[in-house]
Amino acid sequence: MSEVQKTRVTLLAGGVGGAKMAEGLAALDDIDLTIIGNVADDDAFHDLWVSPDIDTLTYSLAGLIDRSKGWGVADEGNRALDVLKTLGEDTWMFLGDRDFGLHIYRTMRRGQGDRPSDIAADVARAFGVGPKILLPTDDIVQTRLETDIGELGFQDYFVREQCKPDVSALHYVGASKATPTDEALEALALAEIIVVAPSNPVLSIAPILAIPGMTEALKASSAHKIGVSPFIAGKVVKGPAAKVMASLGLRADSLGVAEQYQGLIDILVIDDQDKALVGDIEALGIKAPSCDILMKDAEDKKRLARQVMDWALSASCEGGAE
């Protein structure tokens, strides 16, 4: 009996919402999943290169994620950090003992001149992750935020300042000179469905698309293109998307997400509580079916992933359809 042909799906993802969407899609046995993750949150701490979004994807798909936080490793300790604190080091960026091991390995490999893409693939393989996790570039790209207390790196804003400063502008430093990876471009070109995860549009997805060639590859792909809003009734489940978008003068709701993705996706899945926005979203040329998009557990993630796949493949997708 011949093997059933799987649908090739490429997911653009960052943050906890991206990892949850990745888990849901990975639970479907009829798709071949590739994930392009955000690297603009990457930074050096204690001379170790940390890649938070890629690690969250890896830990989530490996079943190692700390579910209570949505990031980091479960059953984690902080003895190494305690030692650094005793020695007078600034330890506001929490890195657990097991997490340190991964950062040491990544930094060691980078120091040997290995491609970051190869390192990420080897890490995912070692942890038993099935889907391919790709980097959009092997170059360093970092999000920097202009705020009312000065310019901040993403981790300084997100962790140290706890998202409190008002943001007036975003810069994806290094993006304009970065080169997209061949793997990422191929994943977009060969995909039958491209999914934009319910990630922060300006902090997680925009840095990926800011790399020269990535937006063009997305637009040129013949894949069905579908996004999932991170907003439910004008609020996000986790993260600073609402605050940052509002600070930048953007609409902080599902219509604001649609405005960011106009010309890039054909469908934006919104929550049932946001049905009043369907008409405005569809005026942008984007279909807006709705369902319960909250992912509380593994069952929710798989249910939403299945619904997203069904809508992406349906030629008769109607806005607001159940």
Protein backbone atom coordinates (compact mmCIF):
# COMPACT_ATOMS: atom_id res chain seq x y z
CA MET A 1 0.00 0.00 0.00
CA SER A 2 1.47 3.36 -1.09
CA GLU A 3 2.22 6.02 1.50
CA VAL A 4 -0.27 8.89 1.67
CA GLN A 5 1.17 12.11 0.23
CA LYS A 6 1.51 14.70 2.98
CA THR A 7 0.71 18.39 2.50
CA ARG A 8 3.82 20.55 2.64
CA VAL A 9 3.26 23.27 5.25
CA THR A 10 5.62 26.10 6.15
CA LEU A 11 4.97 27.99 9.38
CA LEU A 12 6.35 31.46 10.16
CA ALA A 13 6.61 31.59 13.92
CA GLY A 14 7.94 33.43 16.94
CA GLY A 15 7.17 33.55 20.63
CA VAL A 16 4.85 31.33 22.64
CA GLY A 17 1.97 31.65 20.16
CA GLY A 18 4.22 30.45 17.37
CA ALA A 19 5.39 27.48 19.41
CA LYS A 20 1.83 26.49 20.27
CA MET A 21 0.80 26.65 16.61
CA ALA A 22 3.84 24.53 15.74
CA GLU A 23 2.80 21.92 18.29
CA GLY A 24 -0.72 21.78 16.88
CA LEU A 25 0.47 21.37 13.30
CA ALA A 26 3.06 18.79 14.33
CA ALA A 27 0.25 16.70 15.85
CA LEU A 28 -1.42 16.31 12.44
CA ASP A 29 -0.25 13.18 10.65
CA ASP A 30 -1.12 14.36 7.14
CA ILE A 31 1.28 17.28 6.87
CA ASP A 32 5.03 17.68 6.36
CA LEU A 33 5.87 20.63 8.62
CA THR A 34 8.72 23.10 8.25
CA ILE A 35 9.07 26.07 10.61
CA ILE A 36 10.90 29.33 9.93
CA GLY A 37 11.58 30.89 13.32
CA ASN A 38 12.41 34.41 14.47
CA VAL A 39 16.07 35.09 15.31
CA ALA A 40 15.82 38.84 15.99
CA ASP A 41 15.38 38.23 19.74
CA ASP A 42 18.82 36.58 19.87
CA ASP A 43 21.50 38.14 22.08
CA ALA A 44 24.61 37.35 24.11
CA PHE A 45 24.43 36.78 27.87
CA HIS A 46 27.49 35.85 29.94
CA ASP A 47 29.32 35.51 26.60
CA LEU A 48 26.85 32.83 25.47
CA TRP A 49 24.67 33.22 22.38
CA VAL A 50 21.01 32.79 23.33
CA SER A 51 18.26 32.22 20.75
CA PRO A 52 15.00 32.41 22.72
CA ASP A 53 12.40 31.88 19.96
CA ILE A 54 14.28 29.01 18.30
CA ASP A 55 14.80 27.38 21.69
CA THR A 56 11.12 27.77 22.61
CA LEU A 57 10.18 26.02 19.37
CA THR A 58 12.71 23.27 20.02
CA TYR A 59 11.75 22.70 23.66
CA SER A 60 8.02 22.78 22.85
CA LEU A 61 8.24 20.25 20.02
CA ALA A 62 10.53 18.05 22.11
CA GLY A 63 8.03 18.04 25.00
CA LEU A 64 10.54 19.71 27.32
CA ILE A 65 9.00 23.17 27.63
CA ASP A 66 8.02 24.62 30.99
CA ARG A 67 4.25 24.80 30.46
CA SER A 68 3.70 27.15 33.37
CA LYS A 69 5.85 29.85 31.75
CA GLY A 70 5.60 28.94 28.08
CA TRP A 71 9.39 29.12 27.72
CA GLY A 72 12.45 27.50 29.25
CA VAL A 73 12.85 23.89 30.30
CA ALA A 74 10.57 22.04 32.71
CA ASP A 75 12.08 20.77 35.97
CA GLU A 76 14.74 23.47 35.77
CA GLY A 77 17.25 24.70 38.35
CA ASN A 78 19.06 28.01 38.72
CA ARG A 79 22.25 27.13 40.59
CA ALA A 80 24.54 28.43 37.84
CA LEU A 81 22.70 31.75 37.86
CA ASP A 82 22.94 31.89 41.66
CA VAL A 83 26.71 31.52 41.40
CA LEU A 84 26.90 34.32 38.83
CA LYS A 85 24.79 36.53 41.09
CA THR A 86 27.09 35.80 44.04
CA LEU A 87 30.01 36.84 41.85
CA GLY A 88 28.34 40.16 41.15
CA GLU A 89 27.02 39.49 37.66
CA ASP A 90 23.72 40.93 36.46
CA THR A 91 21.27 38.04 36.29
CA TRP A 92 17.98 39.63 35.20
CA MET A 93 17.92 37.36 32.14
CA PHE A 94 16.83 34.01 33.60
CA LEU A 95 18.79 31.10 32.14
CA GLY A 96 18.23 27.77 33.83
CA ASP A 97 20.91 25.16 34.47
CA ARG A 98 19.77 22.81 31.68
CA ASP A 99 19.21 25.76 29.38
CA PHE A 100 22.80 26.88 29.96
CA GLY A 101 23.98 23.60 28.46
CA LEU A 102 22.30 24.39 25.14
CA HIS A 103 23.69 27.93 25.07
CA ILE A 104 27.20 26.64 25.79
CA TYR A 105 26.87 24.15 22.93
CA ARG A 106 25.55 26.76 20.49
CA THR A 107 28.27 29.25 21.39
CA MET A 108 30.97 26.60 21.11
CA ARG A 109 29.75 25.56 17.65
CA ARG A 110 29.50 29.19 16.48
CA GLY A 111 33.03 29.78 17.71
CA GLN A 112 34.17 26.87 15.53
CA GLY A 113 32.68 28.61 12.52
CA ASP A 114 29.67 26.31 12.07
CA ARG A 115 26.57 27.64 10.31
CA PRO A 116 23.86 28.71 12.77
CA SER A 117 21.32 26.86 10.59
CA ASP A 118 23.29 23.63 10.94
CA ILE A 119 23.58 24.12 14.69
CA ALA A 120 19.80 24.64 15.04
CA ALA A 121 19.11 21.54 12.94
CA ASP A 122 21.55 19.43 14.95
CA VAL A 123 20.03 20.61 18.24
CA ALA A 124 16.50 19.81 17.05
CA ARG A 125 17.62 16.38 15.86
CA ALA A 126 19.35 15.63 19.16
CA PHE A 127 16.18 16.51 21.07
CA GLY A 128 14.06 14.29 18.83
CA VAL A 129 12.13 17.07 17.09
CA GLY A 130 10.36 15.84 13.95
CA PRO A 131 9.51 19.04 12.02
CA LYS A 132 12.34 20.97 10.41
CA ILE A 133 13.25 24.18 12.27
CA LEU A 134 14.88 26.68 9.92
CA LEU A 135 16.55 30.03 10.46
CA PRO A 136 15.55 32.83 8.09
CA THR A 137 19.20 33.95 7.98
CA ASP A 138 22.57 32.88 9.33
CA ASP A 139 23.47 36.53 9.88
CA ILE A 140 22.84 38.44 13.10
CA VAL A 141 19.59 40.42 13.08
CA GLN A 142 18.42 42.10 16.28
CA THR A 143 15.25 44.01 17.13
CA ARG A 144 15.88 47.29 18.87
CA LEU A 145 13.15 49.48 20.31
CA GLU A 146 13.11 53.25 20.67
CA THR A 147 11.33 53.90 23.98
CA ASP A 148 10.65 56.72 26.41
CA ILE A 149 13.66 55.57 28.47
CA GLY A 150 16.01 55.25 25.50
CA GLU A 151 16.88 52.61 22.91
CA LEU A 152 16.60 49.04 24.17
CA GLY A 153 17.43 45.59 22.88
CA PHE A 154 14.44 43.26 22.80
CA GLN A 155 15.43 41.24 25.87
CA ASP A 156 16.15 44.43 27.84
CA TYR A 157 12.64 45.65 26.98
CA PHE A 158 10.86 42.33 27.40
CA VAL A 159 12.61 40.81 30.42
CA ARG A 160 14.49 43.52 32.31
CA GLU A 161 11.94 46.32 31.82
CA GLN A 162 8.93 43.93 31.71
CA CYS A 163 7.46 45.69 28.63
CA LYS A 164 6.68 48.83 30.66
CA PRO A 165 8.30 51.55 28.47
CA ASP A 166 6.30 53.12 25.65
CA VAL A 167 7.67 52.22 22.23
CA SER A 168 7.93 54.86 19.50
CA ALA A 169 9.82 52.94 16.81
CA LEU A 170 11.28 49.53 15.96
CA HIS A 171 14.51 48.75 14.13
CA TYR A 172 15.57 45.34 12.84
CA VAL A 173 19.29 45.99 13.02
CA GLY A 174 21.28 44.02 10.45
CA ALA A 175 18.23 42.89 8.52
CA SER A 176 18.84 45.01 5.43
CA LYS A 177 22.30 43.47 4.95
CA ALA A 178 21.33 39.93 5.92
CA THR A 179 21.16 37.07 3.44
CA PRO A 180 18.21 34.67 3.64
CA THR A 181 19.08 31.01 3.99
CA ASP A 182 18.53 28.80 0.97
CA GLU A 183 16.52 26.47 3.19
CA ALA A 184 14.06 29.20 4.19
CA LEU A 185 13.57 30.39 0.62
CA GLU A 186 13.03 26.81 -0.54
CA ALA A 187 10.53 26.16 2.25
CA LEU A 188 8.43 29.11 1.07
CA ALA A 189 8.75 28.18 -2.60
CA LEU A 190 7.79 24.52 -2.15
CA ALA A 191 5.05 24.96 0.46
CA GLU A 192 1.49 24.09 -0.43
CA ILE A 193 0.25 26.00 2.62
CA ILE A 194 2.03 28.84 4.39
CA VAL A 195 0.78 29.61 7.90
CA VAL A 196 1.60 32.80 9.78
CA ALA A 197 1.36 31.83 13.44
CA PRO A 198 -0.53 33.83 16.10
CA SER A 199 2.74 35.58 16.89
CA ASN A 200 3.46 39.25 17.49
CA PRO A 201 3.17 40.80 13.99
CA VAL A 202 5.77 43.53 14.60
CA LEU A 203 8.21 41.78 16.96
CA SER A 204 8.13 38.17 15.73
CA ILE A 205 6.96 38.07 12.11
CA ALA A 206 8.15 41.43 10.76
CA PRO A 207 11.83 40.72 11.54
CA ILE A 208 11.64 37.53 9.46
CA LEU A 209 10.09 39.37 6.54
CA ALA A 210 12.56 42.28 6.88
CA ILE A 211 15.36 40.04 5.60
CA PRO A 212 15.82 40.82 1.88
CA GLY A 213 14.11 38.24 -0.30
CA MET A 214 11.82 36.79 2.36
CA THR A 215 8.76 38.97 1.69
CA GLU A 216 9.28 38.53 -2.05
CA ALA A 217 9.49 34.75 -1.62
CA LEU A 218 6.30 34.74 0.44
CA LYS A 219 4.44 36.76 -2.17
CA ALA A 220 5.80 34.67 -5.06
CA SER A 221 4.85 31.34 -3.49
CA SER A 222 1.86 29.58 -5.02
CA ALA A 223 0.89 28.24 -1.57
CA HIS A 224 -2.39 28.98 0.15
CA LYS A 225 -1.45 31.68 2.70
CA ILE A 226 -3.29 31.82 5.99
CA GLY A 227 -2.62 33.62 9.25
CA VAL A 228 -4.00 33.23 12.76
CA SER A 229 -4.59 36.36 14.81
CA PRO A 230 -2.90 36.60 18.21
CA PHE A 231 -5.77 38.82 19.43
CA ILE A 232 -8.98 37.77 21.15
CA ALA A 233 -11.41 40.64 21.79
CA GLY A 234 -8.60 43.17 21.53
CA LYS A 235 -6.31 41.36 23.95
CA VAL A 236 -3.43 38.93 23.54
CA VAL A 237 -3.02 35.78 25.60
CA LYS A 238 0.66 36.44 26.26
CA GLY A 239 3.25 39.02 25.29
CA PRO A 240 3.41 42.74 24.48
CA ALA A 241 1.75 42.80 21.04
CA ALA A 242 -1.20 44.97 22.13
CA LYS A 243 0.96 47.48 24.02
CA VAL A 244 3.65 47.77 21.34
CA MET A 245 1.23 48.04 18.42
CA ALA A 246 -0.78 50.71 20.24
CA SER A 247 2.42 52.60 21.12
CA LEU A 248 3.37 52.58 17.43
CA GLY A 249 -0.01 54.03 16.45
CA LEU A 250 -1.28 50.76 14.99
CA ARG A 251 -4.63 49.15 15.68
CA ALA A 252 -4.15 46.66 18.49
CA ASP A 253 -6.70 44.07 17.42
CA SER A 254 -7.32 41.52 14.67
CA LEU A 255 -8.04 44.25 12.13
CA GLY A 256 -4.65 45.76 12.95
CA VAL A 257 -3.08 42.36 12.31
CA ALA A 258 -4.87 42.14 8.96
CA GLU A 259 -3.55 45.59 8.04
CA GLN A 260 0.00 44.40 8.77
CA TYR A 261 -0.46 41.32 6.58
CA GLN A 262 -2.41 42.89 3.72
CA GLY A 263 -1.01 41.63 0.43
CA LEU A 264 0.79 38.76 2.16
CA ILE A 265 -2.00 36.38 3.19
CA ASP A 266 -5.37 35.37 1.75
CA ILE A 267 -7.06 34.33 5.01
CA LEU A 268 -6.82 35.50 8.62
CA VAL A 269 -8.42 33.25 11.20
CA ILE A 270 -9.92 35.33 14.00
CA ASP A 271 -11.66 34.48 17.23
CA ASP A 272 -15.45 34.18 17.44
CA GLN A 273 -15.41 37.19 19.78
CA ASP A 274 -14.07 39.34 16.93
CA LYS A 275 -16.73 38.61 14.31
CA ALA A 276 -17.66 42.30 14.24
CA LEU A 277 -14.34 42.93 12.46
CA VAL A 278 -15.02 40.53 9.58
CA GLY A 279 -16.37 43.17 7.20
CA ASP A 280 -13.42 45.52 7.73
CA ILE A 281 -10.90 42.70 7.37
CA GLU A 282 -12.51 41.41 4.19
CA ALA A 283 -12.46 44.97 2.78
CA LEU A 284 -8.67 44.54 2.80
CA GLY A 285 -8.99 41.51 0.52
CA ILE A 286 -8.47 38.99 3.31
CA LYS A 287 -11.08 36.37 4.19
CA ALA A 288 -11.80 36.19 7.92
CA PRO A 289 -13.31 32.92 9.15
CA SER A 290 -13.73 32.64 12.91
CA CYS A 291 -13.55 29.98 15.58
CA ASP A 292 -12.26 29.59 19.14
CA ILE A 293 -8.54 30.32 18.66
CA LEU A 294 -7.50 30.03 22.32
CA MET A 295 -4.98 27.19 22.73
CA LYS A 296 -5.14 26.06 26.36
CA ASP A 297 -3.91 22.48 25.88
CA ALA A 298 -2.72 19.92 23.34
CA GLU A 299 -6.27 19.18 22.21
CA ASP A 300 -6.93 22.88 21.51
CA LYS A 301 -3.69 23.20 19.56
CA LYS A 302 -4.51 20.23 17.35
CA ARG A 303 -8.12 21.35 16.88
CA LEU A 304 -7.08 24.82 15.75
CA ALA A 305 -4.35 23.44 13.50
CA ARG A 306 -6.86 21.12 11.83
CA GLN A 307 -9.29 23.99 11.31
CA VAL A 308 -6.56 26.19 9.84
CA MET A 309 -5.58 23.43 7.42
CA ASP A 310 -9.18 22.85 6.38
CA TRP A 311 -9.79 26.54 5.73
CA ALA A 312 -6.52 26.94 3.84
CA LEU A 313 -7.45 24.09 1.52
CA SER A 314 -11.06 25.10 1.11
CA ALA A 315 -11.81 27.09 -2.05
CA SER A 316 -15.18 28.11 -0.57
CA CYS A 317 -13.91 29.60 2.70
CA GLU A 318 -16.53 32.13 3.83
CA GLY A 319 -15.81 34.95 6.25
CA GLY A 320 -17.24 34.23 9.68
CA ALA A 321 -17.95 30.60 8.82
CA GLU A 322 -17.95 28.07 11.59
